[in-house]
Amino acid sequence: MVATSKSTPVRELMPDLFIPTILERVKAATGKAPHKATISDAVANERYTSKYWPYIEALALETNPELYRERMAYLHEQAGDKAA
């Protein structure tokens, strides 16, 4: 897929089978995994304030760090976040 970074949602930056991967990482770190829908929602709606976002971010950075950083800068800018 070819798209500009600002219009490339985080979901499109994720690898195949990203939900099971994130669930495994959360379970390994915390001892229990959230529902698949929780992770799916956080990714699809780019809920970067979610407590699961660090796991999502880690996988996105492994997959495509440059586009991820650009997308997050764009999202923070749109939200008016000062710490972007």
Protein backbone atom coordinates (compact mmCIF):
# COMPACT_ATOMS: atom_id res chain seq x y z
CA MET A 1 0.00 0.00 0.00
CA VAL A 2 1.25 3.44 -0.87
CA ALA A 3 -0.13 6.31 1.14
CA THR A 4 1.06 9.50 2.71
CA SER A 5 2.11 9.12 6.31
CA LYS A 6 -0.39 11.60 7.69
CA SER A 7 -3.27 9.75 6.09
CA THR A 8 -1.97 6.28 6.93
CA PRO A 9 -3.84 5.13 10.02
CA VAL A 10 -1.96 3.12 12.61
CA ARG A 11 -4.12 0.12 11.73
CA GLU A 12 -2.61 0.09 8.24
CA LEU A 13 0.89 0.14 9.70
CA MET A 14 0.27 -3.01 11.71
CA PRO A 15 1.41 -6.44 10.52
CA ASP A 16 -0.91 -9.36 9.86
CA LEU A 17 -2.17 -11.03 13.04
CA PHE A 18 -1.37 -7.97 15.12
CA ILE A 19 -4.18 -8.55 17.62
CA PRO A 20 -2.96 -11.98 18.82
CA THR A 21 0.58 -10.60 18.97
CA ILE A 22 -0.45 -7.69 21.15
CA LEU A 23 -2.63 -9.90 23.34
CA GLU A 24 0.32 -12.23 23.95
CA ARG A 25 2.56 -9.31 24.89
CA VAL A 26 0.01 -7.83 27.27
CA LYS A 27 -0.55 -11.22 28.89
CA ALA A 28 3.20 -11.80 29.26
CA ALA A 29 3.62 -8.41 30.92
CA THR A 30 0.51 -8.29 33.10
CA GLY A 31 -0.61 -11.88 33.56
CA LYS A 32 -3.89 -11.40 31.76
CA ALA A 33 -4.98 -10.30 28.33
CA PRO A 34 -7.77 -7.90 27.40
CA HIS A 35 -10.54 -8.80 25.00
CA LYS A 36 -9.65 -8.78 21.31
CA ALA A 37 -12.24 -6.07 20.76
CA THR A 38 -10.46 -3.79 23.23
CA ILE A 39 -7.21 -3.97 21.29
CA SER A 40 -8.99 -3.72 17.95
CA ASP A 41 -10.84 -0.60 19.10
CA ALA A 42 -7.70 1.06 20.44
CA VAL A 43 -5.89 0.49 17.14
CA ALA A 44 -8.79 1.33 14.82
CA ASN A 45 -9.65 4.52 16.68
CA GLU A 46 -6.02 5.38 17.48
CA ARG A 47 -6.71 5.69 21.20
CA TYR A 48 -3.14 6.58 22.13
CA THR A 49 -4.20 7.27 25.71
CA SER A 50 -5.24 3.63 26.14
CA LYS A 51 -3.30 1.67 28.74
CA TYR A 52 -2.61 -0.83 25.94
CA TRP A 53 -1.11 1.75 23.61
CA PRO A 54 2.50 1.06 24.69
CA TYR A 55 2.08 -2.50 23.36
CA ILE A 56 0.48 -1.23 20.17
CA GLU A 57 3.20 1.36 19.79
CA ALA A 58 5.98 -1.19 20.27
CA LEU A 59 4.60 -3.39 17.50
CA ALA A 60 4.01 -0.42 15.18
CA LEU A 61 7.58 0.76 15.76
CA GLU A 62 8.91 -2.70 14.95
CA THR A 63 6.83 -2.78 11.78
CA ASN A 64 7.26 0.73 10.37
CA PRO A 65 8.90 3.21 12.74
CA GLU A 66 9.11 6.17 10.37
CA LEU A 67 5.46 6.15 9.33
CA TYR A 68 4.35 5.49 12.91
CA ARG A 69 6.27 8.49 14.26
CA GLU A 70 4.92 10.72 11.51
CA ARG A 71 1.35 9.56 12.13
CA MET A 72 1.62 10.12 15.87
CA ALA A 73 3.07 13.60 15.36
CA TYR A 74 0.10 14.35 13.12
CA LEU A 75 -2.43 12.98 15.64
CA HIS A 76 -0.88 14.95 18.50
CA GLU A 77 -0.89 18.08 16.36
CA GLN A 78 -4.57 17.56 15.49
CA ALA A 79 -5.43 17.02 19.14
CA GLY A 80 -3.48 20.07 20.23
CA ASP A 81 -1.22 18.04 22.49
CA LYS A 82 1.67 20.13 23.72
CA ALA A 83 3.95 17.18 24.51
CA ALA A 84 3.87 15.78 20.97
